[in-house]
Protein backbone atom coordinates (compact mmCIF):
# COMPACT_ATOMS: atom_id res chain seq x y z
CA MET A 1 126.14 127.37 88.68
CA LYS A 2 124.69 125.41 91.52
CA PHE A 3 121.83 128.19 91.56
CA LYS A 4 121.24 127.33 87.83
CA LEU A 5 121.03 123.79 88.36
CA MET A 6 118.50 124.09 91.17
CA MET A 7 116.27 126.12 88.95
CA LEU A 8 116.53 123.45 86.10
CA ALA A 9 115.63 120.87 88.76
CA SER A 10 112.68 123.03 90.08
CA ILE A 11 111.44 123.17 86.42
CA PHE A 12 111.99 119.50 85.85
CA PHE A 13 110.33 118.35 89.03
CA SER A 14 107.31 120.83 88.65
CA LYS A 15 106.14 119.21 85.43
CA ARG A 16 106.59 115.63 86.88
CA PHE A 17 104.87 116.53 90.13
CA ARG A 18 101.79 117.71 88.00
CA GLN A 19 101.85 114.48 86.03
CA VAL A 20 101.80 112.56 89.54
CA THR A 21 99.31 114.63 90.99
CA LEU A 22 96.75 114.46 88.18
CA ARG A 23 97.14 110.45 87.96
CA ARG A 24 96.68 110.30 91.91
CA THR A 25 93.46 112.50 91.64
CA ARG A 26 92.18 110.20 88.97
CA ILE A 27 92.76 107.20 91.03
CA SER A 28 90.98 108.82 94.00
CA GLU A 29 87.86 109.89 91.98
CA ASN A 30 87.45 106.43 90.40
CA GLY A 31 88.23 104.43 93.39
CA VAL A 32 86.77 106.59 96.36
CA VAL A 33 84.96 109.70 95.66
CA GLN A 34 82.18 108.04 93.56
CA GLN A 35 81.12 105.99 96.88
CA ARG A 36 80.41 109.11 98.72
CA LEU A 37 76.77 109.04 98.13
CA SER A 38 76.26 105.64 99.45
CA LEU A 39 78.70 105.24 102.28
CA SER A 40 79.40 107.01 105.72
CA ASP A 41 82.55 108.95 106.16
CA VAL A 42 84.02 106.34 108.17
CA GLY A 43 83.51 103.80 105.42
CA LEU A 44 84.91 106.21 102.94
CA LYS A 45 88.11 106.76 105.02
CA TYR A 46 88.35 102.86 105.41
CA LEU A 47 88.10 102.52 101.72
CA ALA A 48 90.73 105.19 101.03
CA MET A 49 93.05 103.67 103.16
CA GLU A 50 92.63 100.22 101.81
CA ALA A 51 93.17 101.58 98.18
CA THR A 52 96.21 103.52 99.19
CA CYS A 53 97.64 100.61 101.02
CA ARG A 54 96.90 98.32 97.83
CA GLU A 55 98.71 100.81 95.60
CA ALA A 56 101.62 101.20 98.20
CA SER A 57 101.90 97.56 98.24
CA GLU A 58 102.03 97.35 94.51
CA GLU A 59 104.72 100.28 94.19
CA GLU A 60 106.74 98.56 96.78
CA GLY A 61 106.74 95.36 94.93
CA PHE A 62 107.55 96.92 91.48
CA ALA A 63 110.49 98.94 93.31
CA ARG A 64 111.87 95.65 94.55
CA THR A 65 112.48 94.41 90.96
CA ALA A 66 112.92 97.84 89.31
CA LYS A 67 116.23 99.29 88.17
CA THR A 68 118.55 100.77 90.96
CA SER A 69 121.22 103.30 90.18
CA VAL A 70 123.93 103.84 92.69
CA TRP A 71 125.57 107.50 92.75
CA TRP A 72 128.80 107.42 94.40
CA ASP A 73 130.40 110.43 95.90
CA ILE A 74 134.12 109.29 96.40
CA GLU A 75 135.18 112.57 97.68
CA ASN A 76 132.49 112.24 100.72
CA CYS A 77 132.61 108.26 101.03
CA GLY A 78 136.11 107.19 100.05
CA VAL A 79 137.51 103.79 99.65
CA PRO A 80 138.72 102.92 103.12
CA LYS A 81 142.42 102.33 103.50
CA GLY A 82 143.08 98.45 103.22
CA CYS A 83 139.53 97.70 101.65
CA ASP A 84 139.47 95.28 98.67
CA GLY A 85 138.04 97.12 95.71
CA HIS A 86 136.74 93.99 94.23
CA LYS A 87 134.32 93.52 97.03
CA ILE A 88 132.85 97.07 97.19
CA ALA A 89 130.46 96.51 94.35
CA LEU A 90 129.50 93.00 95.54
CA ASN A 91 128.71 94.27 99.01
CA ILE A 92 126.52 96.97 97.71
CA LYS A 93 124.71 94.48 95.61
CA SER A 94 124.47 92.12 98.82
CA ALA A 95 123.20 95.06 101.04
CA LEU A 96 120.50 95.74 98.48
CA GLY A 97 119.73 92.03 98.17
CA LYS A 98 119.21 91.39 101.74
CA MET A 99 116.71 94.17 101.97
CA LYS A 100 115.10 92.29 98.67
CA TYR A 101 116.11 94.75 95.94
CA CYS A 102 116.93 92.55 93.19
CA GLY A 103 116.29 94.52 89.91
CA PRO A 104 119.18 95.54 87.61
CA LEU A 105 122.09 97.44 89.01
CA ALA A 106 124.45 100.10 87.85
CA ILE A 107 126.88 101.86 89.93
CA TYR A 108 128.43 105.36 89.22
CA ALA A 109 131.37 106.61 90.93
CA TYR A 110 132.42 110.51 90.82
CA GLY A 111 135.65 112.09 92.15
CA ASP A 112 139.28 112.72 91.70
CA ILE A 113 139.99 109.21 90.13
CA ASN A 114 143.75 109.99 89.90
CA GLN A 115 143.93 109.98 93.83
CA MET A 116 142.93 106.50 93.88
CA ARG A 117 145.37 103.84 93.55
CA SER A 118 145.70 102.09 90.13
CA SER A 119 144.91 98.76 91.66
CA VAL A 120 141.83 100.18 93.50
CA GLN A 121 140.69 101.78 90.01
CA GLN A 122 141.13 98.49 88.21
CA ALA A 123 139.23 96.38 91.04
CA LEU A 124 136.28 98.72 90.83
CA SER A 125 136.23 98.90 86.90
CA SER A 126 136.59 95.03 86.71
CA THR A 127 133.44 94.63 89.17
CA GLY A 128 131.01 96.97 87.00
CA VAL A 129 131.63 100.30 88.73
CA SER A 130 131.64 103.18 86.26
CA LEU A 131 134.46 105.74 87.17
CA ASN A 132 133.88 109.40 86.28
CA HIS A 133 136.79 111.62 86.70
CA VAL A 134 136.13 114.97 88.05
CA PRO A 135 139.22 117.24 88.02
CA PRO A 136 140.34 118.68 91.31
CA GLY A 137 139.79 122.48 91.99
CA VAL A 138 136.28 122.62 90.44
CA LYS A 139 134.19 123.85 93.31
CA ASP A 140 131.20 121.09 94.11
CA GLY A 141 132.31 119.50 90.89
CA SER A 142 131.28 115.93 91.69
CA ASP A 143 127.87 117.17 93.47
CA LYS A 144 126.91 118.89 90.10
CA LYS A 145 127.88 116.35 87.87
CA ILE A 146 126.02 113.53 89.92
CA LEU A 147 122.89 115.73 90.06
CA VAL A 148 122.87 116.31 86.38
CA ASP A 149 123.48 112.66 85.49
CA MET A 150 121.05 111.55 88.03
CA LEU A 151 118.41 113.78 86.75
CA LEU A 152 119.07 112.59 83.16
CA TRP A 153 118.69 108.78 84.49
CA THR A 154 115.46 109.48 86.02
CA MET A 155 114.36 111.12 82.67
CA GLU A 156 114.81 107.52 80.98
CA ASN A 157 113.68 105.39 83.96
CA ARG A 158 110.39 106.55 85.25
CA ALA A 159 109.13 105.70 88.99
CA PRO A 160 108.79 103.28 90.41
CA ALA A 161 112.85 102.80 90.29
CA ASN A 162 115.50 102.98 92.99
CA VAL A 163 118.09 105.79 93.26
CA MET A 164 120.87 105.29 95.73
CA LEU A 165 123.18 108.04 96.78
CA ILE A 166 126.31 107.25 98.71
CA SER A 167 127.22 110.47 100.23
CA GLY A 168 126.65 112.56 103.42
CA ASP A 169 126.58 116.13 101.64
CA GLY A 170 123.27 117.99 102.18
CA ASP A 171 123.61 119.74 98.75
CA TYR A 172 121.75 116.62 97.30
CA SER A 173 118.85 116.87 99.73
CA TYR A 174 116.62 118.80 97.35
CA VAL A 175 116.83 116.48 94.51
CA LEU A 176 116.46 113.55 96.56
CA HIS A 177 113.37 114.98 98.41
CA ARG A 178 111.68 115.82 94.88
CA LEU A 179 112.39 112.39 93.56
CA ARG A 180 110.83 110.74 96.66
CA MET A 181 107.74 112.94 95.98
CA ILE A 182 107.20 111.94 92.60
CA GLY A 183 107.43 107.90 93.52
CA TYR A 184 111.05 107.20 93.33
CA ASN A 185 112.35 105.00 96.08
CA VAL A 186 115.36 106.96 97.64
CA LEU A 187 118.18 104.75 99.42
CA LEU A 188 121.05 106.58 101.22
CA VAL A 189 124.34 105.12 102.19
CA ARG A 190 125.96 107.70 104.57
CA PRO A 191 129.30 108.23 106.52
CA GLU A 192 129.04 108.68 110.19
CA SER A 193 128.55 112.12 109.95
CA ALA A 194 125.67 113.32 107.46
CA SER A 195 123.33 116.17 106.77
CA ARG A 196 120.26 115.66 108.68
CA PHE A 197 118.09 117.02 105.64
CA LEU A 198 119.84 114.46 103.51
CA VAL A 199 118.78 111.55 106.02
CA ALA A 200 115.17 112.88 106.00
CA ALA A 201 115.03 112.60 102.30
CA ALA A 202 115.55 108.60 102.33
CA ASP A 203 113.34 105.82 102.51
CA ARG A 204 116.22 103.44 103.75
CA ILE A 205 119.64 104.28 105.01
CA TRP A 206 122.70 102.40 105.53
CA LEU A 207 126.11 103.34 107.15
CA TRP A 208 128.90 103.26 104.34
CA ARG A 209 131.38 101.65 106.89
CA SER A 210 129.09 98.80 107.37
CA VAL A 211 128.41 98.27 103.72
CA VAL A 212 132.08 98.29 102.52
CA ALA A 213 132.69 95.78 105.44
CA GLY A 214 129.91 93.40 104.25
CA GLY A 215 127.41 94.23 107.00
CA SER A 216 124.22 91.99 107.41
CA GLY A 217 121.89 94.64 106.54
CA SER A 218 119.49 93.75 109.62
CA GLU A 219 117.35 96.93 110.56
CA VAL A 220 118.18 98.99 113.70
CA SER A 221 116.71 101.94 115.37
CA LYS A 222 117.38 105.40 113.55
CA GLY A 223 120.23 107.41 115.01
CA VAL A 224 123.69 109.24 113.97
CA ASN A 225 125.62 106.36 115.52
CA SER A 226 123.16 103.54 114.76
CA GLY A 227 124.17 100.60 112.76
CA LEU A 228 123.61 98.98 109.35
CA VAL A 229 120.45 100.01 107.72
CA VAL A 230 117.38 101.97 108.99
CA GLU A 231 113.90 102.76 107.86
CA SER A 232 113.24 106.41 107.33
CA LYS A 233 110.54 107.63 110.09
CA SER A 234 109.52 110.69 108.09
CA SER A 235 106.14 110.25 106.11
CA LYS A 236 106.14 109.30 102.69
CA ARG A 237 104.57 111.40 100.02
CA PHE A 238 101.36 109.90 98.26
CA ARG A 239 101.42 106.61 99.73
CA VAL A 240 101.25 104.65 103.00
CA HIS A 241 104.53 102.63 103.92
CA VAL A 242 103.85 98.85 103.97
CA PRO A 243 106.44 96.87 105.97
CA CYS A 244 108.87 94.86 103.87
CA PRO A 245 108.44 91.03 104.35
CA ASN A 246 110.90 89.23 106.09
């Protein structure tokens, strides 16, 4: 089942990748290549970088106000004992707001909802979290459902848009890498222990314990035990990173 899902994802992304590549090629031809006859190589490189930075800045601005979908794997990042369920959605929104993501927000939670206390279920539902029950005993059930629903969401919400995953499972790595390649802004909230491939796929990373505790969201150096939110050090596809305004 998971192999078939990955094959479908590959087909989906191959089509979207060709669309993005063609668009970027046209931008390059119109903005840079036509200058080749009259400018030196150094000048061309400067113009190319300037155009790329300008485009990156525009995309970054669009991402700040674009829709954000949150995909919460409850089996991987559960509700901590003693945590007020009413505050989780608010803390997620607050963490995003402090990094200047202020667009419409939707939160989808997946897992065995029956294992969750009824009071927590009610608290999450009352604050706008969509609870999706995945029966126990189904191998990788939450992973598969999240991946399918995530891809369906991206079909209806084109890049630039924000996709946040709350998990540390490496099974999501492939899809997140591909989403990032076609222009989506990939955000990750992870537990203390998380797949390094998953971490490499994200533009920004928070620790789950910090988010549910209402962390300040200030940036720190990247590392397994680092604090609240970090910027991914891996290079972005198709665009140069422009630092976020303070």
